[in-house]
């Protein structure tokens, strides 16, 4: 019998991940908040479930969604840009009892390198560096990471991705035409969709549970120069930068991923 994985959140990353895991002969349950997307999941061979996380508790048949799976991948963004008053911590806190009662053995929480604050001097963020976010979203992600790691009935691996790019998605499209963009001298931290999927597959293949990984492509060009080149390649207007204010940033080190998995990145930062 093939092993079963539940993926909570089958959007830009979760859907390609689900299809990649199907190709590895896993049975996949995927959640979505859209009836139309549920039909798309089903047509791809994914067992689709209508699930939404709410601050008062999950909405939908979460018990059925988790039943029979050994691994739960939580791939839900906090959504605090759209709703700054949202409580992502409460959403996960109210999900945990269902995980504990489901028989799930391992959880993979897709987090973000935003748990590390940008600083002058661009500190090197290593695998053991402690999170120090000052933003609301970053602080909530830290709390959620700790909540999941502190559970005894299942093991949690935290996977923090840098900025995501890939098909139909690149941060340059959001920066284009903007003025007074901050931190032009900061290092760029990005990772391609295919590498996100590849790293998750490595974690599953090697049973690397109870660990923390930071993931970014190893090169970190200067922000202003990089996005100027990307905008030219994509036919976009270049952003205008604030060079008067000292830049803040960080360098996300992925050495642990390369060492533990002998992982070779599939994509550089070219578009």
C-alpha atoms as a PDB file:
ATOM      1  CA  UNK A   1       0.000   0.000   0.000  1.00  0.00           C
ATOM      2  CA  UNK A   2       1.366   3.408  -0.952  1.00  0.00           C
ATOM      3  CA  UNK A   3       2.072   5.894   1.808  1.00  0.00           C
ATOM      4  CA  UNK A   4      -0.299   8.817   2.146  1.00  0.00           C
ATOM      5  CA  UNK A   5       0.523  12.496   2.628  1.00  0.00           C
ATOM      6  CA  UNK A   6      -1.860  15.346   3.424  1.00  0.00           C
ATOM      7  CA  UNK A   7      -0.900  18.764   2.049  1.00  0.00           C
ATOM      8  CA  UNK A   8      -2.666  21.661   3.735  1.00  0.00           C
ATOM      9  CA  UNK A   9      -2.601  24.340   1.071  1.00  0.00           C
ATOM     10  CA  UNK A  10      -2.286  23.438  -2.622  1.00  0.00           C
ATOM     11  CA  UNK A  11      -1.593  26.809  -4.181  1.00  0.00           C
ATOM     12  CA  UNK A  12       1.399  28.036  -6.189  1.00  0.00           C
ATOM     13  CA  UNK A  13       3.801  25.744  -4.317  1.00  0.00           C
ATOM     14  CA  UNK A  14       1.478  23.102  -2.897  1.00  0.00           C
ATOM     15  CA  UNK A  15      -0.105  22.001  -6.173  1.00  0.00           C
ATOM     16  CA  UNK A  16       3.178  21.313  -8.040  1.00  0.00           C
ATOM     17  CA  UNK A  17       4.455  19.637  -4.876  1.00  0.00           C
ATOM     18  CA  UNK A  18       1.400  17.374  -4.758  1.00  0.00           C
ATOM     19  CA  UNK A  19       1.850  16.372  -8.392  1.00  0.00           C
ATOM     20  CA  UNK A  20       5.561  15.694  -7.848  1.00  0.00           C
ATOM     21  CA  UNK A  21       4.789  13.450  -4.872  1.00  0.00           C
ATOM     22  CA  UNK A  22       2.124  11.626  -6.878  1.00  0.00           C
ATOM     23  CA  UNK A  23       4.877  10.795  -9.358  1.00  0.00           C
ATOM     24  CA  UNK A  24       6.799   9.255  -6.454  1.00  0.00           C
ATOM     25  CA  UNK A  25       3.810   6.915  -5.842  1.00  0.00           C
ATOM     26  CA  UNK A  26       2.487   8.618  -2.732  1.00  0.00           C
ATOM     27  CA  UNK A  27      -1.248   8.933  -2.226  1.00  0.00           C
ATOM     28  CA  UNK A  28      -1.962  12.634  -1.806  1.00  0.00           C
ATOM     29  CA  UNK A  29      -4.737  14.495  -0.055  1.00  0.00           C
ATOM     30  CA  UNK A  30      -4.765  18.206  -0.820  1.00  0.00           C
ATOM     31  CA  UNK A  31      -6.745  21.026   0.728  1.00  0.00           C
ATOM     32  CA  UNK A  32      -8.165  24.103  -0.932  1.00  0.00           C
ATOM     33  CA  UNK A  33     -10.709  26.770  -0.016  1.00  0.00           C
ATOM     34  CA  UNK A  34     -12.208  26.780  -3.529  1.00  0.00           C
ATOM     35  CA  UNK A  35     -14.736  24.314  -4.960  1.00  0.00           C
ATOM     36  CA  UNK A  36     -13.371  24.973  -8.446  1.00  0.00           C
ATOM     37  CA  UNK A  37      -9.812  24.220  -7.293  1.00  0.00           C
ATOM     38  CA  UNK A  38     -11.056  21.041  -5.604  1.00  0.00           C
ATOM     39  CA  UNK A  39     -12.196  19.785  -9.008  1.00  0.00           C
ATOM     40  CA  UNK A  40      -8.764  20.643 -10.440  1.00  0.00           C
ATOM     41  CA  UNK A  41      -7.103  18.613  -7.679  1.00  0.00           C
ATOM     42  CA  UNK A  42      -9.342  15.638  -8.351  1.00  0.00           C
ATOM     43  CA  UNK A  43      -8.615  15.763 -12.085  1.00  0.00           C
ATOM     44  CA  UNK A  44      -4.875  15.587 -11.256  1.00  0.00           C
ATOM     45  CA  UNK A  45      -5.353  12.468  -9.128  1.00  0.00           C
ATOM     46  CA  UNK A  46      -5.258  14.324  -5.802  1.00  0.00           C
ATOM     47  CA  UNK A  47      -7.914  13.646  -3.169  1.00  0.00           C
ATOM     48  CA  UNK A  48      -9.289  17.182  -2.793  1.00  0.00           C
ATOM     49  CA  UNK A  49     -10.754  18.514   0.458  1.00  0.00           C
ATOM     50  CA  UNK A  50     -12.397  21.864   1.161  1.00  0.00           C
ATOM     51  CA  UNK A  51     -10.586  23.105   4.274  1.00  0.00           C
ATOM     52  CA  UNK A  52     -10.036  26.588   5.679  1.00  0.00           C
ATOM     53  CA  UNK A  53      -8.138  27.556   8.796  1.00  0.00           C
ATOM     54  CA  UNK A  54     -10.054  29.880  11.090  1.00  0.00           C
ATOM     55  CA  UNK A  55      -9.049  31.474  14.372  1.00  0.00           C
ATOM     56  CA  UNK A  56     -11.879  29.555  16.067  1.00  0.00           C
ATOM     57  CA  UNK A  57     -10.877  26.244  14.494  1.00  0.00           C
ATOM     58  CA  UNK A  58     -10.617  24.517  11.089  1.00  0.00           C
ATOM     59  CA  UNK A  59     -13.594  24.821   8.748  1.00  0.00           C
ATOM     60  CA  UNK A  60     -14.390  21.653   6.800  1.00  0.00           C
ATOM     61  CA  UNK A  61     -13.910  17.952   7.459  1.00  0.00           C
ATOM     62  CA  UNK A  62     -10.362  18.197   8.812  1.00  0.00           C
ATOM     63  CA  UNK A  63     -10.623  14.747  10.406  1.00  0.00           C
ATOM     64  CA  UNK A  64     -11.216  13.096   7.032  1.00  0.00           C
ATOM     65  CA  UNK A  65      -8.448  15.175   5.467  1.00  0.00           C
ATOM     66  CA  UNK A  66      -5.876  13.933   7.997  1.00  0.00           C
ATOM     67  CA  UNK A  67      -7.109  10.354   8.354  1.00  0.00           C
ATOM     68  CA  UNK A  68      -4.700   7.683   7.154  1.00  0.00           C
ATOM     69  CA  UNK A  69      -1.773  10.018   6.480  1.00  0.00           C
ATOM     70  CA  UNK A  70       1.652   9.625   8.051  1.00  0.00           C
ATOM     71  CA  UNK A  71       2.814  13.110   7.093  1.00  0.00           C
ATOM     72  CA  UNK A  72       1.100  16.500   7.113  1.00  0.00           C
ATOM     73  CA  UNK A  73       2.675  19.334   5.112  1.00  0.00           C
ATOM     74  CA  UNK A  74       1.409  22.716   6.313  1.00  0.00           C
ATOM     75  CA  UNK A  75       1.803  25.157   3.449  1.00  0.00           C
ATOM     76  CA  UNK A  76      -0.499  28.008   4.471  1.00  0.00           C
ATOM     77  CA  UNK A  77       0.825  31.595   4.408  1.00  0.00           C
ATOM     78  CA  UNK A  78      -0.148  33.745   7.399  1.00  0.00           C
ATOM     79  CA  UNK A  79      -2.044  36.169   5.130  1.00  0.00           C
ATOM     80  CA  UNK A  80      -1.200  39.120   7.357  1.00  0.00           C
ATOM     81  CA  UNK A  81      -0.528  41.527   4.502  1.00  0.00           C
ATOM     82  CA  UNK A  82      -4.193  41.369   3.533  1.00  0.00           C
ATOM     83  CA  UNK A  83      -5.353  41.158   7.139  1.00  0.00           C
ATOM     84  CA  UNK A  84      -2.822  42.734   9.541  1.00  0.00           C
ATOM     85  CA  UNK A  85      -5.107  42.006  12.487  1.00  0.00           C
ATOM     86  CA  UNK A  86      -5.245  38.272  11.731  1.00  0.00           C
ATOM     87  CA  UNK A  87      -4.119  35.712  14.281  1.00  0.00           C
ATOM     88  CA  UNK A  88      -2.218  32.992  12.440  1.00  0.00           C
ATOM     89  CA  UNK A  89      -0.997  31.556  15.727  1.00  0.00           C
ATOM     90  CA  UNK A  90      -4.584  30.879  16.819  1.00  0.00           C
ATOM     91  CA  UNK A  91      -5.324  29.137  13.505  1.00  0.00           C
ATOM     92  CA  UNK A  92      -2.466  26.681  13.991  1.00  0.00           C
ATOM     93  CA  UNK A  93      -3.100  26.336  17.711  1.00  0.00           C
ATOM     94  CA  UNK A  94      -6.652  25.187  16.984  1.00  0.00           C
ATOM     95  CA  UNK A  95      -5.417  22.819  14.271  1.00  0.00           C
ATOM     96  CA  UNK A  96      -2.964  20.996  16.561  1.00  0.00           C
ATOM     97  CA  UNK A  97      -5.539  18.916  18.512  1.00  0.00           C
ATOM     98  CA  UNK A  98      -6.788  17.452  15.219  1.00  0.00           C
ATOM     99  CA  UNK A  99      -3.236  16.557  14.211  1.00  0.00           C
ATOM    100  CA  UNK A 100      -2.624  14.898  17.580  1.00  0.00           C
ATOM    101  CA  UNK A 101      -5.799  12.807  17.282  1.00  0.00           C
ATOM    102  CA  UNK A 102      -5.193  11.797  13.657  1.00  0.00           C
ATOM    103  CA  UNK A 103      -2.245   9.447  13.881  1.00  0.00           C
ATOM    104  CA  UNK A 104      -0.032  11.850  11.917  1.00  0.00           C
ATOM    105  CA  UNK A 105       3.560  11.004  12.811  1.00  0.00           C
ATOM    106  CA  UNK A 106       5.433  13.862  11.157  1.00  0.00           C
ATOM    107  CA  UNK A 107       4.672  17.463  10.234  1.00  0.00           C
ATOM    108  CA  UNK A 108       6.543  19.617   7.746  1.00  0.00           C
ATOM    109  CA  UNK A 109       5.839  23.297   8.320  1.00  0.00           C
ATOM    110  CA  UNK A 110       6.690  25.551   5.394  1.00  0.00           C
ATOM    111  CA  UNK A 111       7.862  28.757   7.030  1.00  0.00           C
ATOM    112  CA  UNK A 112       9.783  31.798   5.818  1.00  0.00           C
ATOM    113  CA  UNK A 113      13.181  33.391   6.298  1.00  0.00           C
ATOM    114  CA  UNK A 114      11.230  36.483   7.371  1.00  0.00           C
ATOM    115  CA  UNK A 115      11.634  35.067  10.895  1.00  0.00           C
ATOM    116  CA  UNK A 116      15.070  36.740  10.710  1.00  0.00           C
ATOM    117  CA  UNK A 117      15.208  40.531  10.942  1.00  0.00           C
ATOM    118  CA  UNK A 118      16.982  42.594   8.303  1.00  0.00           C
ATOM    119  CA  UNK A 119      19.984  44.382   9.789  1.00  0.00           C
ATOM    120  CA  UNK A 120      22.761  46.705   8.734  1.00  0.00           C
ATOM    121  CA  UNK A 121      25.902  44.751   7.972  1.00  0.00           C
ATOM    122  CA  UNK A 122      23.862  41.918   6.406  1.00  0.00           C
ATOM    123  CA  UNK A 123      24.451  39.136   8.977  1.00  0.00           C
ATOM    124  CA  UNK A 124      25.005  35.581   7.780  1.00  0.00           C
ATOM    125  CA  UNK A 125      22.030  33.445   8.818  1.00  0.00           C
ATOM    126  CA  UNK A 126      23.207  29.913   9.559  1.00  0.00           C
ATOM    127  CA  UNK A 127      21.188  26.796  10.301  1.00  0.00           C
ATOM    128  CA  UNK A 128      21.512  27.359  14.050  1.00  0.00           C
ATOM    129  CA  UNK A 129      20.821  31.123  14.009  1.00  0.00           C
ATOM    130  CA  UNK A 130      17.930  31.980  16.308  1.00  0.00           C
ATOM    131  CA  UNK A 131      14.977  33.871  14.782  1.00  0.00           C
ATOM    132  CA  UNK A 132      14.706  37.529  15.764  1.00  0.00           C
ATOM    133  CA  UNK A 133      11.917  38.975  13.622  1.00  0.00           C
ATOM    134  CA  UNK A 134      10.464  42.360  14.507  1.00  0.00           C
ATOM    135  CA  UNK A 135       7.556  42.295  12.033  1.00  0.00           C
ATOM    136  CA  UNK A 136       4.119  41.025  13.041  1.00  0.00           C
ATOM    137  CA  UNK A 137       4.169  38.246  10.424  1.00  0.00           C
ATOM    138  CA  UNK A 138       7.685  37.178  11.384  1.00  0.00           C
ATOM    139  CA  UNK A 139       6.851  37.086  15.088  1.00  0.00           C
ATOM    140  CA  UNK A 140       3.736  34.998  14.462  1.00  0.00           C
ATOM    141  CA  UNK A 141       5.691  32.548  12.324  1.00  0.00           C
ATOM    142  CA  UNK A 142       8.213  32.144  15.152  1.00  0.00           C
ATOM    143  CA  UNK A 143       5.402  31.371  17.598  1.00  0.00           C
ATOM    144  CA  UNK A 144       3.886  28.834  15.213  1.00  0.00           C
ATOM    145  CA  UNK A 145       7.251  27.142  14.676  1.00  0.00           C
ATOM    146  CA  UNK A 146       7.703  26.833  18.427  1.00  0.00           C
ATOM    147  CA  UNK A 147       4.150  25.575  18.947  1.00  0.00           C
ATOM    148  CA  UNK A 148       4.658  22.758  16.472  1.00  0.00           C
ATOM    149  CA  UNK A 149       8.174  21.886  17.630  1.00  0.00           C
ATOM    150  CA  UNK A 150       7.000  21.588  21.241  1.00  0.00           C
ATOM    151  CA  UNK A 151       4.460  18.864  20.463  1.00  0.00           C
ATOM    152  CA  UNK A 152       5.216  15.352  21.741  1.00  0.00           C
ATOM    153  CA  UNK A 153       2.770  13.294  19.670  1.00  0.00           C
ATOM    154  CA  UNK A 154       4.371  14.153  16.335  1.00  0.00           C
ATOM    155  CA  UNK A 155       7.736  15.345  15.033  1.00  0.00           C
ATOM    156  CA  UNK A 156       7.986  18.679  13.228  1.00  0.00           C
ATOM    157  CA  UNK A 157      10.537  19.828  10.682  1.00  0.00           C
ATOM    158  CA  UNK A 158      10.649  23.545   9.936  1.00  0.00           C
ATOM    159  CA  UNK A 159      11.558  24.550   6.387  1.00  0.00           C
ATOM    160  CA  UNK A 160      12.106  28.276   5.924  1.00  0.00           C
ATOM    161  CA  UNK A 161      12.106  29.424   2.311  1.00  0.00           C
ATOM    162  CA  UNK A 162      13.572  32.692   1.072  1.00  0.00           C
ATOM    163  CA  UNK A 163      11.654  34.703  -1.531  1.00  0.00           C
ATOM    164  CA  UNK A 164       9.916  32.435  -4.016  1.00  0.00           C
ATOM    165  CA  UNK A 165      10.114  32.746  -7.779  1.00  0.00           C
ATOM    166  CA  UNK A 166       9.234  30.580 -10.738  1.00  0.00           C
ATOM    167  CA  UNK A 167       6.537  30.266 -13.402  1.00  0.00           C
ATOM    168  CA  UNK A 168       4.319  33.366 -13.429  1.00  0.00           C
ATOM    169  CA  UNK A 169       5.874  34.677 -10.239  1.00  0.00           C
ATOM    170  CA  UNK A 170       8.842  36.952  -9.631  1.00  0.00           C
ATOM    171  CA  UNK A 171       9.326  39.733  -7.062  1.00  0.00           C
ATOM    172  CA  UNK A 172      10.484  42.026  -9.896  1.00  0.00           C
ATOM    173  CA  UNK A 173       6.880  42.377 -11.074  1.00  0.00           C
ATOM    174  CA  UNK A 174       5.966  43.889  -7.693  1.00  0.00           C
ATOM    175  CA  UNK A 175       9.025  46.166  -7.556  1.00  0.00           C
ATOM    176  CA  UNK A 176       8.692  47.448 -11.118  1.00  0.00           C
ATOM    177  CA  UNK A 177       7.727  51.142 -11.353  1.00  0.00           C
ATOM    178  CA  UNK A 178       7.920  51.560  -7.576  1.00  0.00           C
ATOM    179  CA  UNK A 179       9.767  54.587  -6.239  1.00  0.00           C
ATOM    180  CA  UNK A 180      11.916  55.080  -3.142  1.00  0.00           C
ATOM    181  CA  UNK A 181      12.431  51.313  -2.745  1.00  0.00           C
ATOM    182  CA  UNK A 182      14.357  50.588   0.465  1.00  0.00           C
ATOM    183  CA  UNK A 183      17.553  48.570   0.968  1.00  0.00           C
ATOM    184  CA  UNK A 184      19.095  48.767  -2.531  1.00  0.00           C
ATOM    185  CA  UNK A 185      22.452  47.448  -1.267  1.00  0.00           C
ATOM    186  CA  UNK A 186      20.940  44.449   0.532  1.00  0.00           C
ATOM    187  CA  UNK A 187      21.741  40.894  -0.606  1.00  0.00           C
ATOM    188  CA  UNK A 188      19.039  39.068  -2.540  1.00  0.00           C
ATOM    189  CA  UNK A 189      17.664  35.840  -1.036  1.00  0.00           C
ATOM    190  CA  UNK A 190      15.541  33.882  -3.513  1.00  0.00           C
ATOM    191  CA  UNK A 191      14.704  30.271  -4.331  1.00  0.00           C
ATOM    192  CA  UNK A 192      13.010  28.720  -7.365  1.00  0.00           C
ATOM    193  CA  UNK A 193       9.801  26.697  -7.113  1.00  0.00           C
ATOM    194  CA  UNK A 194      11.505  23.576  -8.484  1.00  0.00           C
ATOM    195  CA  UNK A 195      14.120  23.735  -5.733  1.00  0.00           C
ATOM    196  CA  UNK A 196      11.417  24.151  -3.089  1.00  0.00           C
ATOM    197  CA  UNK A 197       9.810  20.946  -4.340  1.00  0.00           C
ATOM    198  CA  UNK A 198      13.183  19.206  -4.628  1.00  0.00           C
ATOM    199  CA  UNK A 199      14.178  20.036  -1.054  1.00  0.00           C
ATOM    200  CA  UNK A 200      10.829  18.896   0.362  1.00  0.00           C
ATOM    201  CA  UNK A 201      11.221  15.602  -1.497  1.00  0.00           C
ATOM    202  CA  UNK A 202      14.692  15.175   0.037  1.00  0.00           C
ATOM    203  CA  UNK A 203      13.331  15.764   3.543  1.00  0.00           C
ATOM    204  CA  UNK A 204      10.678  13.092   2.984  1.00  0.00           C
ATOM    205  CA  UNK A 205      13.038  10.607   1.335  1.00  0.00           C
ATOM    206  CA  UNK A 206      15.585  10.864   4.174  1.00  0.00           C
ATOM    207  CA  UNK A 207      13.054  11.009   7.040  1.00  0.00           C
ATOM    208  CA  UNK A 208      14.645  14.234   8.259  1.00  0.00           C
ATOM    209  CA  UNK A 209      12.157  15.013  11.010  1.00  0.00           C
ATOM    210  CA  UNK A 210      12.579  17.213  14.047  1.00  0.00           C
ATOM    211  CA  UNK A 211      14.974  19.514  12.206  1.00  0.00           C
ATOM    212  CA  UNK A 212      15.173  23.109  10.968  1.00  0.00           C
ATOM    213  CA  UNK A 213      16.350  24.114   7.484  1.00  0.00           C
ATOM    214  CA  UNK A 214      16.824  27.512   5.857  1.00  0.00           C
ATOM    215  CA  UNK A 215      16.621  27.447   2.058  1.00  0.00           C
ATOM    216  CA  UNK A 216      17.877  30.039  -0.416  1.00  0.00           C
ATOM    217  CA  UNK A 217      19.900  29.874  -3.619  1.00  0.00           C
ATOM    218  CA  UNK A 218      23.556  30.238  -2.564  1.00  0.00           C
ATOM    219  CA  UNK A 219      24.297  33.397  -4.598  1.00  0.00           C
ATOM    220  CA  UNK A 220      23.216  36.734  -3.124  1.00  0.00           C
ATOM    221  CA  UNK A 221      23.630  39.610  -5.608  1.00  0.00           C
ATOM    222  CA  UNK A 222      22.979  43.215  -4.625  1.00  0.00           C
ATOM    223  CA  UNK A 223      19.272  44.013  -4.734  1.00  0.00           C
ATOM    224  CA  UNK A 224      19.357  47.124  -6.956  1.00  0.00           C
ATOM    225  CA  UNK A 225      21.691  45.598  -9.536  1.00  0.00           C
ATOM    226  CA  UNK A 226      19.878  42.273  -9.622  1.00  0.00           C
ATOM    227  CA  UNK A 227      16.381  43.693 -10.086  1.00  0.00           C
ATOM    228  CA  UNK A 228      17.586  46.186 -12.672  1.00  0.00           C
ATOM    229  CA  UNK A 229      18.874  43.282 -14.776  1.00  0.00           C
ATOM    230  CA  UNK A 230      15.744  41.200 -14.191  1.00  0.00           C
ATOM    231  CA  UNK A 231      13.429  44.067 -15.130  1.00  0.00           C
ATOM    232  CA  UNK A 232      15.369  44.567 -18.356  1.00  0.00           C
ATOM    233  CA  UNK A 233      15.082  40.839 -19.157  1.00  0.00           C
ATOM    234  CA  UNK A 234      11.344  40.838 -18.401  1.00  0.00           C
ATOM    235  CA  UNK A 235      10.627  44.074 -20.254  1.00  0.00           C
ATOM    236  CA  UNK A 236       9.564  45.858 -17.052  1.00  0.00           C
ATOM    237  CA  UNK A 237      10.227  49.389 -15.897  1.00  0.00           C
ATOM    238  CA  UNK A 238      13.052  49.576 -13.378  1.00  0.00           C
ATOM    239  CA  UNK A 239      12.270  50.563  -9.774  1.00  0.00           C
ATOM    240  CA  UNK A 240      13.687  53.709  -8.214  1.00  0.00           C
ATOM    241  CA  UNK A 241      15.706  53.208  -5.023  1.00  0.00           C
ATOM    242  CA  UNK A 242      16.396  55.083  -1.826  1.00  0.00           C
ATOM    243  CA  UNK A 243      20.186  55.185  -1.662  1.00  0.00           C
ATOM    244  CA  UNK A 244      20.207  57.777   1.133  1.00  0.00           C
ATOM    245  CA  UNK A 245      18.986  55.489   3.929  1.00  0.00           C
ATOM    246  CA  UNK A 246      21.457  52.764   5.020  1.00  0.00           C
ATOM    247  CA  UNK A 247      20.435  49.391   3.633  1.00  0.00           C
ATOM    248  CA  UNK A 248      19.412  46.536   5.886  1.00  0.00           C
ATOM    249  CA  UNK A 249      19.305  42.874   4.951  1.00  0.00           C
ATOM    250  CA  UNK A 250      20.695  39.408   5.625  1.00  0.00           C
ATOM    251  CA  UNK A 251      22.348  36.490   3.862  1.00  0.00           C
ATOM    252  CA  UNK A 252      20.514  33.176   4.134  1.00  0.00           C
ATOM    253  CA  UNK A 253      23.019  30.326   4.199  1.00  0.00           C
ATOM    254  CA  UNK A 254      21.839  26.980   2.770  1.00  0.00           C
ATOM    255  CA  UNK A 255      24.958  24.985   3.641  1.00  0.00           C
ATOM    256  CA  UNK A 256      22.999  22.660   5.921  1.00  0.00           C
ATOM    257  CA  UNK A 257      20.745  21.619   3.040  1.00  0.00           C
ATOM    258  CA  UNK A 258      23.722  20.958   0.790  1.00  0.00           C
ATOM    259  CA  UNK A 259      25.552  19.048   3.529  1.00  0.00           C
ATOM    260  CA  UNK A 260      22.672  16.929   4.831  1.00  0.00           C
ATOM    261  CA  UNK A 261      21.102  16.072   1.478  1.00  0.00           C
ATOM    262  CA  UNK A 262      24.051  16.610  -0.878  1.00  0.00           C
ATOM    263  CA  UNK A 263      21.535  18.816  -2.646  1.00  0.00           C
ATOM    264  CA  UNK A 264      22.432  20.493  -5.926  1.00  0.00           C
ATOM    265  CA  UNK A 265      20.241  23.471  -6.780  1.00  0.00           C
ATOM    266  CA  UNK A 266      18.331  23.087 -10.030  1.00  0.00           C
ATOM    267  CA  UNK A 267      17.950  26.799 -10.857  1.00  0.00           C
ATOM    268  CA  UNK A 268      20.111  29.867 -10.485  1.00  0.00           C
ATOM    269  CA  UNK A 269      18.599  33.352 -10.153  1.00  0.00           C
ATOM    270  CA  UNK A 270      18.204  33.995 -13.873  1.00  0.00           C
ATOM    271  CA  UNK A 271      14.677  34.388 -15.243  1.00  0.00           C
END
